Amino acid sequence: MPLQFELCPGRMIGGNHPCFIIAEIGQNHQGNMEIAKEMIKMAKNCGADCAKFQKSELEYKFNKRALERPYTSKNSWGKTYGEHKRHLEFSHEQYRELQKYASEVGIFFTASGMDEMAVEFLHELNVPFFKVGSGDTNNFPYLEKTAKKGRPMVVSSGMQSMETMCRVYKTVKQHNKNFAILQCTSAYPLEAEDVNLRVITVNTILVF
């Protein structure tokens, strides 16, 4: 993995280059395009470099039983898990509209591909880089297929062991040298005493 590389067109990371800030919008837009656009603009106004969403192809990611199960949480957007997820999931055309809006605002736009078919769509959308969420970091067939696309990658490490992350590094590097690994602690909200940023030094020693 190079010490620096071009993550987005004209934007280098690593070395002495400025910190690259990704605004995590995810699905906090509540399925509302206007809220999503407001969040993109807010991310730009706050100085972020990139607005990031989450993209799933629900019928590919979940089986019929999972989509039809009752979902009665107070935060549910439907009677079943499928209805809830469909409410929050933007269509391909809506993603193109959001990408265009981000370009007009002047901020990079990407998404975490939450399954292999979502990665295929994001590749077609021509996002500048792929973001791999912690939940897929130990999905090695997914990692390999994503790495082979040739786009830069940012890989989260939440809930993963050091042994797994070493394997992730070797798997991705075999197909794609332009990637970064994020130190993540899967706790929300994250307490300062649990951040453990010094593990980055240990990781660097192990993978190199």
N, C-alpha and C. Protein backbone atom coordinates (compact mmCIF):
# COMPACT_ATOMS: atom_id res chain seq x y z
N MET A 1 0.85 -1.19 0.00
CA MET A 1 0.00 0.00 0.00
C MET A 1 0.89 1.25 0.00
N PRO A 2 0.74 2.14 -0.96
CA PRO A 2 1.60 3.32 -1.02
C PRO A 2 1.33 4.24 0.17
N LEU A 3 2.33 5.04 0.52
CA LEU A 3 2.16 5.97 1.61
C LEU A 3 1.26 7.13 1.21
N GLN A 4 1.08 7.31 -0.08
CA GLN A 4 0.16 8.33 -0.56
C GLN A 4 -0.40 7.89 -1.91
N PHE A 5 -1.63 8.26 -2.19
CA PHE A 5 -2.23 7.95 -3.48
C PHE A 5 -3.41 8.88 -3.72
N GLU A 6 -3.89 8.87 -4.96
CA GLU A 6 -5.00 9.73 -5.35
C GLU A 6 -6.32 9.04 -5.03
N LEU A 7 -7.00 9.50 -3.99
CA LEU A 7 -8.27 8.89 -3.59
C LEU A 7 -9.41 9.35 -4.49
N CYS A 8 -9.42 10.64 -4.80
CA CYS A 8 -10.41 11.24 -5.70
C CYS A 8 -9.64 12.05 -6.75
N PRO A 9 -10.25 12.30 -7.89
CA PRO A 9 -9.55 13.06 -8.93
C PRO A 9 -8.96 14.37 -8.42
N GLY A 10 -7.65 14.48 -8.49
CA GLY A 10 -6.97 15.69 -8.04
C GLY A 10 -6.80 15.81 -6.54
N ARG A 11 -7.15 14.75 -5.81
CA ARG A 11 -7.08 14.83 -4.33
C ARG A 11 -6.26 13.66 -3.80
N MET A 12 -5.03 13.98 -3.41
CA MET A 12 -4.12 12.99 -2.84
C MET A 12 -4.36 12.85 -1.34
N ILE A 13 -4.12 11.66 -0.82
CA ILE A 13 -4.14 11.45 0.63
C ILE A 13 -2.85 10.77 1.04
N GLY A 14 -2.53 10.86 2.33
CA GLY A 14 -1.30 10.29 2.84
C GLY A 14 -0.16 11.28 2.74
N GLY A 15 1.00 10.86 3.21
CA GLY A 15 2.17 11.74 3.18
C GLY A 15 1.90 13.03 3.92
N ASN A 16 2.23 14.14 3.28
CA ASN A 16 2.01 15.46 3.88
C ASN A 16 0.73 16.13 3.38
N HIS A 17 -0.12 15.36 2.72
CA HIS A 17 -1.36 15.93 2.20
C HIS A 17 -2.37 16.14 3.32
N PRO A 18 -3.28 17.10 3.16
CA PRO A 18 -4.26 17.38 4.22
C PRO A 18 -5.16 16.18 4.51
N CYS A 19 -5.69 16.15 5.71
CA CYS A 19 -6.63 15.11 6.11
C CYS A 19 -7.85 15.13 5.18
N PHE A 20 -8.30 13.97 4.77
CA PHE A 20 -9.48 13.85 3.90
C PHE A 20 -10.68 13.53 4.79
N ILE A 21 -11.66 14.41 4.81
CA ILE A 21 -12.80 14.27 5.72
C ILE A 21 -14.03 13.76 4.97
N ILE A 22 -14.56 12.63 5.43
CA ILE A 22 -15.75 12.04 4.84
C ILE A 22 -16.94 12.27 5.77
N ALA A 23 -17.98 12.91 5.25
CA ALA A 23 -19.20 13.13 6.03
C ALA A 23 -20.10 11.91 5.86
N GLU A 24 -20.36 11.19 6.93
CA GLU A 24 -21.17 9.98 6.88
C GLU A 24 -22.66 10.34 6.94
N ILE A 25 -23.29 10.30 5.79
CA ILE A 25 -24.73 10.55 5.74
C ILE A 25 -25.49 9.23 5.88
N GLY A 26 -24.95 8.17 5.30
CA GLY A 26 -25.56 6.86 5.44
C GLY A 26 -27.00 6.87 4.97
N GLN A 27 -27.91 6.51 5.88
CA GLN A 27 -29.34 6.57 5.59
C GLN A 27 -30.05 7.51 6.56
N ASN A 28 -29.31 8.46 7.08
CA ASN A 28 -29.89 9.43 8.01
C ASN A 28 -30.81 10.43 7.32
N HIS A 29 -30.94 10.32 6.01
CA HIS A 29 -31.84 11.18 5.24
C HIS A 29 -33.31 10.76 5.39
N GLN A 30 -33.54 9.59 6.03
CA GLN A 30 -34.90 9.10 6.29
C GLN A 30 -35.69 8.84 5.00
N GLY A 31 -34.98 8.58 3.92
CA GLY A 31 -35.64 8.30 2.66
C GLY A 31 -36.16 9.52 1.93
N ASN A 32 -35.72 10.70 2.35
CA ASN A 32 -36.20 11.96 1.80
C ASN A 32 -35.09 12.62 0.98
N MET A 33 -35.34 12.82 -0.30
CA MET A 33 -34.32 13.40 -1.18
C MET A 33 -33.94 14.81 -0.78
N GLU A 34 -34.89 15.61 -0.36
CA GLU A 34 -34.58 16.99 0.02
C GLU A 34 -33.69 17.04 1.26
N ILE A 35 -33.95 16.15 2.22
CA ILE A 35 -33.09 16.07 3.40
C ILE A 35 -31.69 15.63 2.99
N ALA A 36 -31.63 14.65 2.07
CA ALA A 36 -30.33 14.17 1.60
C ALA A 36 -29.53 15.30 0.96
N LYS A 37 -30.19 16.11 0.15
CA LYS A 37 -29.49 17.23 -0.49
C LYS A 37 -29.06 18.27 0.53
N GLU A 38 -29.91 18.52 1.52
CA GLU A 38 -29.54 19.46 2.58
C GLU A 38 -28.31 18.97 3.33
N MET A 39 -28.23 17.66 3.55
CA MET A 39 -27.09 17.10 4.28
C MET A 39 -25.82 17.17 3.43
N ILE A 40 -25.94 16.97 2.13
CA ILE A 40 -24.78 17.12 1.23
C ILE A 40 -24.26 18.56 1.30
N LYS A 41 -25.18 19.52 1.21
CA LYS A 41 -24.78 20.92 1.26
C LYS A 41 -24.18 21.28 2.61
N MET A 42 -24.76 20.74 3.68
CA MET A 42 -24.22 21.00 5.02
C MET A 42 -22.82 20.43 5.17
N ALA A 43 -22.61 19.23 4.60
CA ALA A 43 -21.29 18.62 4.65
C ALA A 43 -20.26 19.51 3.96
N LYS A 44 -20.64 20.04 2.81
CA LYS A 44 -19.76 20.95 2.09
C LYS A 44 -19.48 22.20 2.91
N ASN A 45 -20.53 22.79 3.48
CA ASN A 45 -20.37 24.03 4.26
C ASN A 45 -19.53 23.83 5.52
N CYS A 46 -19.52 22.60 6.03
CA CYS A 46 -18.74 22.30 7.24
C CYS A 46 -17.28 21.97 6.91
N GLY A 47 -16.95 21.91 5.61
CA GLY A 47 -15.56 21.69 5.22
C GLY A 47 -15.22 20.25 4.89
N ALA A 48 -16.21 19.36 4.81
CA ALA A 48 -15.93 17.97 4.47
C ALA A 48 -15.51 17.87 3.00
N ASP A 49 -14.74 16.85 2.69
CA ASP A 49 -14.28 16.62 1.32
C ASP A 49 -15.24 15.75 0.52
N CYS A 50 -15.98 14.89 1.23
CA CYS A 50 -16.81 13.89 0.55
C CYS A 50 -18.07 13.62 1.36
N ALA A 51 -19.19 13.47 0.66
CA ALA A 51 -20.45 13.05 1.28
C ALA A 51 -20.66 11.58 0.95
N LYS A 52 -20.87 10.76 1.97
CA LYS A 52 -20.97 9.32 1.76
C LYS A 52 -22.32 8.78 2.20
N PHE A 53 -22.91 7.95 1.34
CA PHE A 53 -24.18 7.29 1.63
C PHE A 53 -23.96 5.79 1.78
N GLN A 54 -25.04 5.03 1.92
CA GLN A 54 -24.99 3.57 1.95
C GLN A 54 -25.94 3.03 0.90
N LYS A 55 -25.45 2.13 0.06
CA LYS A 55 -26.28 1.59 -1.02
C LYS A 55 -26.40 0.08 -0.90
N SER A 56 -27.63 -0.41 -0.92
CA SER A 56 -27.91 -1.85 -0.92
C SER A 56 -28.84 -2.19 -2.08
N GLU A 57 -28.67 -3.39 -2.60
CA GLU A 57 -29.64 -3.97 -3.52
C GLU A 57 -30.41 -5.00 -2.70
N LEU A 58 -31.56 -4.59 -2.17
CA LEU A 58 -32.23 -5.33 -1.11
C LEU A 58 -32.58 -6.76 -1.48
N GLU A 59 -33.09 -6.99 -2.71
CA GLU A 59 -33.47 -8.34 -3.10
C GLU A 59 -32.26 -9.26 -3.26
N TYR A 60 -31.10 -8.67 -3.44
CA TYR A 60 -29.86 -9.45 -3.53
C TYR A 60 -29.27 -9.68 -2.14
N LYS A 61 -29.33 -8.66 -1.31
CA LYS A 61 -28.70 -8.73 0.01
C LYS A 61 -29.49 -9.59 0.99
N PHE A 62 -30.82 -9.51 0.92
CA PHE A 62 -31.67 -10.23 1.88
C PHE A 62 -32.53 -11.27 1.17
N ASN A 63 -32.84 -12.38 1.85
CA ASN A 63 -33.78 -13.33 1.28
C ASN A 63 -35.21 -12.89 1.58
N LYS A 64 -36.16 -13.56 0.96
CA LYS A 64 -37.57 -13.19 1.07
C LYS A 64 -38.05 -13.22 2.52
N ARG A 65 -37.61 -14.22 3.24
CA ARG A 65 -38.02 -14.36 4.64
C ARG A 65 -37.57 -13.17 5.48
N ALA A 66 -36.35 -12.72 5.25
CA ALA A 66 -35.83 -11.58 6.01
C ALA A 66 -36.62 -10.31 5.70
N LEU A 67 -36.95 -10.11 4.43
CA LEU A 67 -37.67 -8.90 4.03
C LEU A 67 -39.12 -8.90 4.51
N GLU A 68 -39.69 -10.08 4.69
CA GLU A 68 -41.10 -10.16 5.08
C GLU A 68 -41.30 -10.26 6.59
N ARG A 69 -40.25 -10.36 7.36
CA ARG A 69 -40.44 -10.49 8.81
C ARG A 69 -40.97 -9.20 9.41
N PRO A 70 -41.81 -9.30 10.43
CA PRO A 70 -42.37 -8.10 11.07
C PRO A 70 -41.26 -7.23 11.64
N TYR A 71 -41.46 -5.94 11.55
CA TYR A 71 -40.47 -4.99 12.07
C TYR A 71 -41.24 -3.92 12.83
N THR A 72 -41.29 -4.06 14.13
CA THR A 72 -42.17 -3.21 14.95
C THR A 72 -41.41 -2.22 15.81
N SER A 73 -40.17 -1.96 15.48
CA SER A 73 -39.39 -0.97 16.22
C SER A 73 -40.07 0.40 16.16
N LYS A 74 -39.87 1.19 17.18
CA LYS A 74 -40.43 2.55 17.18
C LYS A 74 -39.82 3.40 16.07
N ASN A 75 -38.67 2.96 15.55
CA ASN A 75 -38.01 3.70 14.47
C ASN A 75 -38.30 3.10 13.09
N SER A 76 -39.25 2.18 13.02
CA SER A 76 -39.54 1.52 11.76
C SER A 76 -40.31 2.42 10.81
N TRP A 77 -39.99 2.26 9.50
CA TRP A 77 -40.68 3.00 8.45
C TRP A 77 -41.67 2.10 7.72
N GLY A 78 -41.98 0.94 8.29
CA GLY A 78 -42.93 0.02 7.67
C GLY A 78 -43.25 -1.13 8.60
N LYS A 79 -44.23 -1.93 8.21
CA LYS A 79 -44.66 -3.04 9.06
C LYS A 79 -43.70 -4.23 8.99
N THR A 80 -42.97 -4.34 7.88
CA THR A 80 -41.98 -5.41 7.74
C THR A 80 -40.60 -4.80 7.56
N TYR A 81 -39.57 -5.65 7.72
CA TYR A 81 -38.21 -5.16 7.55
C TYR A 81 -37.99 -4.69 6.11
N GLY A 82 -38.61 -5.40 5.16
CA GLY A 82 -38.50 -5.01 3.76
C GLY A 82 -39.10 -3.64 3.50
N GLU A 83 -40.29 -3.38 4.05
CA GLU A 83 -40.92 -2.06 3.87
C GLU A 83 -40.04 -0.98 4.48
N HIS A 84 -39.50 -1.28 5.64
CA HIS A 84 -38.62 -0.32 6.32
C HIS A 84 -37.40 0.01 5.46
N LYS A 85 -36.73 -1.03 4.95
CA LYS A 85 -35.52 -0.82 4.16
C LYS A 85 -35.83 -0.15 2.82
N ARG A 86 -36.94 -0.51 2.20
CA ARG A 86 -37.29 0.10 0.92
C ARG A 86 -37.59 1.58 1.07
N HIS A 87 -38.16 1.96 2.21
CA HIS A 87 -38.42 3.38 2.45
C HIS A 87 -37.11 4.17 2.48
N LEU A 88 -36.07 3.57 3.02
CA LEU A 88 -34.80 4.26 3.20
C LEU A 88 -33.86 4.15 1.99
N GLU A 89 -34.15 3.24 1.09
CA GLU A 89 -33.24 2.96 -0.02
C GLU A 89 -33.58 3.80 -1.25
N PHE A 90 -32.65 4.63 -1.66
CA PHE A 90 -32.85 5.43 -2.87
C PHE A 90 -32.66 4.55 -4.12
N SER A 91 -33.36 4.90 -5.18
CA SER A 91 -33.25 4.19 -6.45
C SER A 91 -31.96 4.60 -7.17
N HIS A 92 -31.65 3.88 -8.24
CA HIS A 92 -30.48 4.22 -9.04
C HIS A 92 -30.60 5.63 -9.60
N GLU A 93 -31.78 5.99 -10.06
CA GLU A 93 -31.98 7.32 -10.62
C GLU A 93 -31.82 8.39 -9.55
N GLN A 94 -32.29 8.13 -8.36
CA GLN A 94 -32.12 9.09 -7.26
C GLN A 94 -30.65 9.25 -6.90
N TYR A 95 -29.90 8.16 -6.97
CA TYR A 95 -28.46 8.25 -6.71
C TYR A 95 -27.77 9.13 -7.75
N ARG A 96 -28.19 8.99 -9.00
CA ARG A 96 -27.61 9.83 -10.05
C ARG A 96 -27.93 11.30 -9.80
N GLU A 97 -29.13 11.56 -9.32
CA GLU A 97 -29.54 12.93 -9.02
C GLU A 97 -28.72 13.50 -7.86
N LEU A 98 -28.49 12.69 -6.84
CA LEU A 98 -27.69 13.14 -5.69
C LEU A 98 -26.23 13.35 -6.09
N GLN A 99 -25.72 12.48 -6.94
CA GLN A 99 -24.34 12.64 -7.42
C GLN A 99 -24.19 13.95 -8.19
N LYS A 100 -25.17 14.24 -9.04
CA LYS A 100 -25.15 15.48 -9.80
C LYS A 100 -25.22 16.69 -8.86
N TYR A 101 -26.06 16.60 -7.85
CA TYR A 101 -26.19 17.70 -6.90
C TYR A 101 -24.88 17.92 -6.14
N ALA A 102 -24.25 16.84 -5.72
CA ALA A 102 -22.97 16.96 -5.00
C ALA A 102 -21.92 17.64 -5.89
N SER A 103 -21.92 17.30 -7.16
CA SER A 103 -20.99 17.92 -8.10
C SER A 103 -21.25 19.41 -8.21
N GLU A 104 -22.52 19.79 -8.25
CA GLU A 104 -22.88 21.20 -8.34
C GLU A 104 -22.47 21.95 -7.08
N VAL A 105 -22.60 21.29 -5.93
CA VAL A 105 -22.22 21.90 -4.66
C VAL A 105 -20.70 22.00 -4.53
N GLY A 106 -20.00 21.04 -5.14
CA GLY A 106 -18.54 21.04 -5.09
C GLY A 106 -17.95 20.13 -4.04
N ILE A 107 -18.58 18.94 -3.87
CA ILE A 107 -18.08 17.97 -2.90
C ILE A 107 -18.09 16.59 -3.56
N PHE A 108 -17.11 15.77 -3.22
CA PHE A 108 -17.07 14.42 -3.77
C PHE A 108 -18.24 13.60 -3.22
N PHE A 109 -18.66 12.60 -3.97
CA PHE A 109 -19.82 11.79 -3.62
C PHE A 109 -19.50 10.32 -3.78
N THR A 110 -19.80 9.53 -2.75
CA THR A 110 -19.64 8.08 -2.86
C THR A 110 -20.60 7.40 -1.89
N ALA A 111 -20.49 6.07 -1.82
CA ALA A 111 -21.35 5.30 -0.92
C ALA A 111 -20.65 4.01 -0.54
N SER A 112 -21.04 3.46 0.58
CA SER A 112 -20.62 2.11 0.94
C SER A 112 -21.48 1.14 0.15
N GLY A 113 -20.87 0.26 -0.60
CA GLY A 113 -21.62 -0.79 -1.29
C GLY A 113 -21.87 -1.91 -0.31
N MET A 114 -23.13 -2.09 0.10
CA MET A 114 -23.44 -3.02 1.18
C MET A 114 -23.59 -4.47 0.70
N ASP A 115 -23.43 -4.69 -0.59
CA ASP A 115 -23.44 -6.03 -1.15
C ASP A 115 -22.77 -5.95 -2.52
N GLU A 116 -22.51 -7.09 -3.13
CA GLU A 116 -21.77 -7.12 -4.38
C GLU A 116 -22.50 -6.43 -5.53
N MET A 117 -23.83 -6.56 -5.57
CA MET A 117 -24.58 -5.90 -6.63
C MET A 117 -24.58 -4.39 -6.46
N ALA A 118 -24.57 -3.93 -5.22
CA ALA A 118 -24.47 -2.49 -4.97
C ALA A 118 -23.13 -1.97 -5.45
N VAL A 119 -22.07 -2.75 -5.25
CA VAL A 119 -20.74 -2.36 -5.74
C VAL A 119 -20.77 -2.25 -7.27
N GLU A 120 -21.46 -3.17 -7.93
CA GLU A 120 -21.57 -3.12 -9.39
C GLU A 120 -22.23 -1.81 -9.83
N PHE A 121 -23.30 -1.43 -9.12
CA PHE A 121 -23.98 -0.17 -9.47
C PHE A 121 -23.08 1.03 -9.22
N LEU A 122 -22.39 1.06 -8.09
CA LEU A 122 -21.52 2.19 -7.76
C LEU A 122 -20.37 2.29 -8.75
N HIS A 123 -19.90 1.15 -9.24
CA HIS A 123 -18.85 1.16 -10.26
C HIS A 123 -19.40 1.80 -11.54
N GLU A 124 -20.62 1.44 -11.89
CA GLU A 124 -21.28 2.02 -13.06
C GLU A 124 -21.51 3.52 -12.86
N LEU A 125 -21.80 3.91 -11.62
CA LEU A 125 -22.02 5.32 -11.29
C LEU A 125 -20.73 6.12 -11.35
N ASN A 126 -19.60 5.43 -11.37
CA ASN A 126 -18.29 6.05 -11.47
C ASN A 126 -17.93 6.87 -10.23
N VAL A 127 -18.20 6.28 -9.05
CA VAL A 127 -17.79 6.95 -7.81
C VAL A 127 -16.27 7.00 -7.76
N PRO A 128 -15.69 7.98 -7.08
CA PRO A 128 -14.22 8.10 -7.07
C PRO A 128 -13.53 6.97 -6.30
N PHE A 129 -14.19 6.45 -5.27
CA PHE A 129 -13.60 5.35 -4.50
C PHE A 129 -14.71 4.52 -3.86
N PHE A 130 -14.38 3.28 -3.54
CA PHE A 130 -15.30 2.40 -2.84
C PHE A 130 -15.05 2.46 -1.34
N LYS A 131 -16.10 2.55 -0.57
CA LYS A 131 -16.00 2.45 0.88
C LYS A 131 -16.53 1.08 1.31
N VAL A 132 -15.74 0.36 2.09
CA VAL A 132 -16.14 -0.94 2.60
C VAL A 132 -16.48 -0.79 4.09
N GLY A 133 -17.72 -1.08 4.45
CA GLY A 133 -18.15 -0.99 5.84
C GLY A 133 -17.57 -2.12 6.67
N SER A 134 -17.50 -1.91 7.97
CA SER A 134 -16.92 -2.91 8.88
C SER A 134 -17.61 -4.26 8.76
N GLY A 135 -18.92 -4.26 8.51
CA GLY A 135 -19.65 -5.51 8.43
C GLY A 135 -19.25 -6.38 7.26
N ASP A 136 -18.59 -5.80 6.25
CA ASP A 136 -18.15 -6.57 5.08
C ASP A 136 -16.65 -6.76 5.02
N THR A 137 -15.95 -6.30 6.02
CA THR A 137 -14.49 -6.34 5.97
C THR A 137 -13.95 -7.76 6.01
N ASN A 138 -14.67 -8.69 6.63
CA ASN A 138 -14.21 -10.09 6.65
C ASN A 138 -14.93 -10.93 5.60
N ASN A 139 -15.59 -10.27 4.64
CA ASN A 139 -16.23 -10.96 3.52
C ASN A 139 -15.21 -10.96 2.37
N PHE A 140 -14.37 -11.97 2.33
CA PHE A 140 -13.22 -11.95 1.43
C PHE A 140 -13.59 -12.08 -0.05
N PRO A 141 -14.61 -12.87 -0.42
CA PRO A 141 -15.02 -12.84 -1.84
C PRO A 141 -15.48 -11.44 -2.28
N TYR A 142 -16.21 -10.76 -1.39
CA TYR A 142 -16.65 -9.37 -1.67
C TYR A 142 -15.44 -8.46 -1.81
N LEU A 143 -14.49 -8.56 -0.90
CA LEU A 143 -13.30 -7.71 -0.93
C LEU A 143 -12.52 -7.92 -2.23
N GLU A 144 -12.35 -9.18 -2.61
CA GLU A 144 -11.58 -9.48 -3.80
C GLU A 144 -12.25 -8.93 -5.05
N LYS A 145 -13.56 -9.12 -5.17
CA LYS A 145 -14.28 -8.61 -6.34
C LYS A 145 -14.25 -7.09 -6.39
N THR A 146 -14.37 -6.46 -5.23
CA THR A 146 -14.33 -5.00 -5.18
C THR A 146 -12.95 -4.48 -5.55
N ALA A 147 -11.92 -5.10 -5.01
CA ALA A 147 -10.54 -4.67 -5.29
C ALA A 147 -10.22 -4.79 -6.78
N LYS A 148 -10.75 -5.82 -7.43
CA LYS A 148 -10.47 -6.05 -8.84
C LYS A 148 -11.08 -4.98 -9.75
N LYS A 149 -12.02 -4.19 -9.22
CA LYS A 149 -12.60 -3.12 -10.03
C LYS A 149 -11.58 -2.03 -10.34
N GLY A 150 -10.54 -1.94 -9.51
CA GLY A 150 -9.46 -1.01 -9.79
C GLY A 150 -9.63 0.38 -9.22
N ARG A 151 -10.74 0.63 -8.55
CA ARG A 151 -10.93 1.95 -7.93
C ARG A 151 -10.25 1.98 -6.56
N PRO A 152 -9.82 3.17 -6.10
CA PRO A 152 -9.30 3.27 -4.74
C PRO A 152 -10.33 2.77 -3.73
N MET A 153 -9.86 2.28 -2.60
CA MET A 153 -10.75 1.72 -1.58
C MET A 153 -10.41 2.29 -0.20
N VAL A 154 -11.44 2.44 0.60
CA VAL A 154 -11.29 2.78 2.02
C VAL A 154 -12.01 1.69 2.80
N VAL A 155 -11.26 0.99 3.65
CA VAL A 155 -11.78 -0.21 4.32
C VAL A 155 -11.85 0.02 5.83
N SER A 156 -13.03 -0.12 6.40
CA SER A 156 -13.20 0.02 7.85
C SER A 156 -12.79 -1.26 8.55
N SER A 157 -12.48 -1.16 9.85
CA SER A 157 -11.94 -2.30 10.59
C SER A 157 -12.72 -2.63 11.86
N GLY A 158 -13.90 -2.03 12.04
CA GLY A 158 -14.66 -2.26 13.27
C GLY A 158 -15.01 -3.73 13.46
N MET A 159 -14.88 -4.22 14.67
CA MET A 159 -15.25 -5.58 15.08
C MET A 159 -14.31 -6.66 14.52
N GLN A 160 -13.22 -6.26 13.87
CA GLN A 160 -12.32 -7.23 13.26
C GLN A 160 -11.04 -7.40 14.10
N SER A 161 -10.53 -8.62 14.10
CA SER A 161 -9.30 -8.91 14.83
C SER A 161 -8.08 -8.45 14.03
N MET A 162 -6.94 -8.36 14.71
CA MET A 162 -5.71 -7.99 14.04
C MET A 162 -5.35 -9.03 12.97
N GLU A 163 -5.59 -10.29 13.27
CA GLU A 163 -5.32 -11.36 12.31
C GLU A 163 -6.17 -11.19 11.04
N THR A 164 -7.44 -10.85 11.23
CA THR A 164 -8.32 -10.63 10.08
C THR A 164 -7.85 -9.45 9.25
N MET A 165 -7.45 -8.36 9.92
CA MET A 165 -7.03 -7.18 9.19
C MET A 165 -5.74 -7.42 8.40
N CYS A 166 -4.87 -8.26 8.91
CA CYS A 166 -3.66 -8.61 8.15
C CYS A 166 -4.06 -9.37 6.88
N ARG A 167 -5.05 -10.24 7.01
CA ARG A 167 -5.53 -10.98 5.83
C ARG A 167 -6.23 -10.03 4.86
N VAL A 168 -6.98 -9.07 5.39
CA VAL A 168 -7.63 -8.06 4.54
C VAL A 168 -6.58 -7.31 3.73
N TYR A 169 -5.54 -6.88 4.41
CA TYR A 169 -4.46 -6.13 3.76
C TYR A 169 -3.87 -6.94 2.60
N LYS A 170 -3.55 -8.21 2.86
CA LYS A 170 -2.93 -9.04 1.82
C LYS A 170 -3.90 -9.32 0.67
N THR A 171 -5.18 -9.51 1.00
CA THR A 171 -6.18 -9.80 -0.03
C THR A 171 -6.37 -8.63 -0.97
N VAL A 172 -6.54 -7.44 -0.40
CA VAL A 172 -6.79 -6.25 -1.23
C VAL A 172 -5.52 -5.88 -2.01
N LYS A 173 -4.39 -5.91 -1.35
CA LYS A 173 -3.13 -5.50 -1.99
C LYS A 173 -2.80 -6.35 -3.21
N GLN A 174 -3.22 -7.61 -3.19
CA GLN A 174 -2.95 -8.51 -4.31
C GLN A 174 -3.58 -8.00 -5.61
N HIS A 175 -4.68 -7.25 -5.48
CA HIS A 175 -5.41 -6.80 -6.66
C HIS A 175 -5.44 -5.28 -6.82
N ASN A 176 -5.15 -4.55 -5.75
CA ASN A 176 -5.33 -3.10 -5.79
C ASN A 176 -4.40 -2.46 -4.75
N LYS A 177 -3.46 -1.66 -5.19
CA LYS A 177 -2.50 -1.08 -4.26
C LYS A 177 -3.01 0.23 -3.65
N ASN A 178 -4.06 0.80 -4.21
CA ASN A 178 -4.55 2.10 -3.73
C ASN A 178 -5.71 1.93 -2.76
N PHE A 179 -5.36 1.70 -1.50
CA PHE A 179 -6.40 1.54 -0.49
C PHE A 179 -5.89 2.02 0.87
N ALA A 180 -6.84 2.38 1.71
CA ALA A 180 -6.53 2.82 3.07
C ALA A 180 -7.39 2.02 4.04
N ILE A 181 -6.83 1.73 5.20
CA ILE A 181 -7.57 1.03 6.25
C ILE A 181 -7.86 2.01 7.38
N LEU A 182 -9.12 2.06 7.79
CA LEU A 182 -9.52 2.96 8.87
C LEU A 182 -9.51 2.23 10.21
N GLN A 183 -8.98 2.88 11.23
CA GLN A 183 -9.11 2.37 12.59
C GLN A 183 -10.51 2.72 13.09
N CYS A 184 -11.32 1.71 13.37
CA CYS A 184 -12.71 1.94 13.78
C CYS A 184 -13.01 1.23 15.09
N THR A 185 -13.79 1.87 15.94
CA THR A 185 -14.30 1.25 17.15
C THR A 185 -15.81 1.24 17.06
N SER A 186 -16.39 0.05 17.02
CA SER A 186 -17.83 -0.08 16.79
C SER A 186 -18.61 0.12 18.09
N ALA A 187 -18.66 1.36 18.51
CA ALA A 187 -19.44 1.74 19.69
C ALA A 187 -20.05 3.11 19.42
N TYR A 188 -21.32 3.24 19.71
CA TYR A 188 -22.04 4.48 19.40
C TYR A 188 -22.88 4.90 20.61
N PRO A 189 -22.62 6.04 21.21
CA PRO A 189 -21.49 6.94 20.91
C PRO A 189 -20.18 6.38 21.44
N LEU A 190 -19.08 6.78 20.83
CA LEU A 190 -17.76 6.29 21.21
C LEU A 190 -17.17 7.15 22.33
N GLU A 191 -16.82 6.49 23.42
CA GLU A 191 -16.18 7.20 24.53
C GLU A 191 -14.69 7.39 24.23
N ALA A 192 -14.15 8.52 24.65
CA ALA A 192 -12.76 8.88 24.33
C ALA A 192 -11.78 7.80 24.78
N GLU A 193 -12.04 7.18 25.96
CA GLU A 193 -11.10 6.18 26.47
C GLU A 193 -11.11 4.88 25.67
N ASP A 194 -12.09 4.73 24.76
CA ASP A 194 -12.18 3.51 23.95
C ASP A 194 -11.66 3.69 22.53
N VAL A 195 -11.17 4.87 22.19
CA VAL A 195 -10.77 5.14 20.80
C VAL A 195 -9.58 4.28 20.37
N ASN A 196 -8.56 4.19 21.22
CA ASN A 196 -7.41 3.31 20.98
C ASN A 196 -6.71 3.59 19.65
N LEU A 197 -6.39 4.84 19.38
CA LEU A 197 -5.74 5.20 18.12
C LEU A 197 -4.33 4.62 17.99
N ARG A 198 -3.70 4.28 19.10
CA ARG A 198 -2.33 3.76 19.02
C ARG A 198 -2.27 2.40 18.34
N VAL A 199 -3.41 1.76 18.18
CA VAL A 199 -3.41 0.48 17.46
C VAL A 199 -2.98 0.68 16.01
N ILE A 200 -3.09 1.89 15.50
CA ILE A 200 -2.65 2.19 14.13
C ILE A 200 -1.16 1.89 13.99
N THR A 201 -0.38 2.25 14.99
CA THR A 201 1.06 1.98 14.96
C THR A 201 1.32 0.50 14.92
N VAL A 202 0.61 -0.27 15.73
CA VAL A 202 0.77 -1.72 15.76
C VAL A 202 0.40 -2.33 14.42
N ASN A 203 -0.72 -1.87 13.84
CA ASN A 203 -1.15 -2.36 12.53
C ASN A 203 -0.10 -2.12 11.47
N THR A 204 0.50 -0.93 11.50
CA THR A 204 1.51 -0.57 10.51
C THR A 204 2.70 -1.53 10.59
N ILE A 205 3.12 -1.85 11.80
CA ILE A 205 4.25 -2.77 11.99
C ILE A 205 3.91 -4.15 11.47
N LEU A 206 2.69 -4.61 11.73
CA LEU A 206 2.29 -5.96 11.33
C LEU A 206 2.15 -6.12 9.83
N VAL A 207 1.52 -5.15 9.17
CA VAL A 207 1.25 -5.32 7.74
C VAL A 207 2.47 -5.04 6.88
N PHE A 208 3.37 -4.20 7.35
CA PHE A 208 4.56 -3.91 6.58
C PHE A 208 5.69 -4.84 7.05
